[in-house]
Every structure is written in C-alpha cells, then in structure tokens.
Amino acid sequence: MAADLPRHGPAALPAFVPVHATAKRPADEAAVIALPLGDKSITVKWPASDPDGCARFIRGLSQ
C-alpha cells in the first residue's frame, strides 16, 4: 500500500528570506520622583520629553 502513495521530498526553501525589521525605539528617559509617605513611598516616573508637565505636577504637590 505504501507504494501507491506519491513520494515527495522536503519542500524546497529559498536560500534567503528577507525580513523587514523595524528600528527599536530608544527608551524615553524619565525623571524619577520618590515621595515618602510615612513608612511607604510613591515613585513617579515622568517622561523627560514633558518637563513642563513635570513642573506643574511638582507645583501641584507643593500646594
């Protein structure tokens, strides 16, 4: 019965397969703000690309 089955070798693969890679975006630097609250603390990581927002955040905390 096995003689009745067609014999196929392994599928031919191309010698080179092009891969479209995307450049990895560098991690955005961040300002790290640690706020002690008794025996605990809160850590805020603010993107360095938004210094005005970070300044508003700190001003808001100090009021």
Protein backbone atom coordinates (compact mmCIF):
# COMPACT_ATOMS: atom_id res chain seq x y z
CA MET A 1 0.00 0.00 0.00
CA ALA A 2 2.82 2.40 0.74
CA ALA A 3 3.98 2.01 -2.86
CA ASP A 4 0.72 3.63 -4.01
CA LEU A 5 1.47 6.90 -2.18
CA PRO A 6 3.31 9.59 -4.12
CA ARG A 7 6.77 10.33 -2.78
CA HIS A 8 7.56 13.94 -2.19
CA GLY A 9 10.84 15.18 -0.82
CA PRO A 10 11.01 18.09 1.57
CA ALA A 11 9.67 21.35 0.20
CA ALA A 12 12.37 23.48 -1.36
CA LEU A 13 13.15 26.53 0.76
CA PRO A 14 14.61 29.73 -0.61
CA ALA A 15 18.25 30.39 0.20
CA PHE A 16 17.36 33.83 1.65
CA VAL A 17 14.17 35.04 3.26
CA PRO A 18 14.01 38.84 3.53
CA VAL A 19 12.93 40.14 6.92
CA HIS A 20 11.58 43.62 7.36
CA ALA A 21 12.92 44.75 10.73
CA THR A 22 11.77 47.91 12.39
CA ALA A 23 14.18 50.05 14.35
CA LYS A 24 13.76 49.71 18.08
CA ARG A 25 12.70 52.99 19.59
CA PRO A 26 15.08 54.08 22.33
CA ALA A 27 13.52 54.10 25.74
CA ASP A 28 12.27 57.53 26.70
CA GLU A 29 14.30 58.95 29.54
CA ALA A 30 12.32 59.76 32.65
CA ALA A 31 12.55 61.92 35.74
CA VAL A 32 12.04 59.75 38.81
CA ILE A 33 10.28 61.38 41.74
CA ALA A 34 10.11 59.49 45.06
CA LEU A 35 7.51 60.73 47.54
CA PRO A 36 7.84 59.39 51.10
CA LEU A 37 4.50 58.80 52.84
CA GLY A 38 5.18 57.58 56.36
CA ASP A 39 6.52 54.04 56.17
CA LYS A 40 5.65 53.80 52.44
CA SER A 41 6.55 55.80 49.38
CA ILE A 42 5.19 56.55 45.94
CA THR A 43 7.51 56.62 42.93
CA VAL A 44 6.50 58.61 39.87
CA LYS A 45 8.36 58.27 36.56
CA TRP A 46 7.72 61.30 34.40
CA PRO A 47 8.83 61.36 30.73
CA ALA A 48 11.75 63.72 30.20
CA SER A 49 10.06 64.85 26.98
CA ASP A 50 7.45 66.72 29.11
CA PRO A 51 9.37 68.96 31.53
CA ASP A 52 6.52 71.50 31.75
CA GLY A 53 4.05 68.81 32.80
CA CYS A 54 6.52 67.54 35.41
CA ALA A 55 6.97 71.06 36.80
CA ARG A 56 3.17 71.51 37.04
CA PHE A 57 2.91 68.17 38.82
CA ILE A 58 5.56 69.14 41.40
CA ARG A 59 3.99 72.58 41.90
CA GLY A 60 0.62 70.94 42.47
CA LEU A 61 2.11 68.64 45.11
CA SER A 62 3.69 71.53 46.98
CA GLN A 63 0.41 73.43 47.38
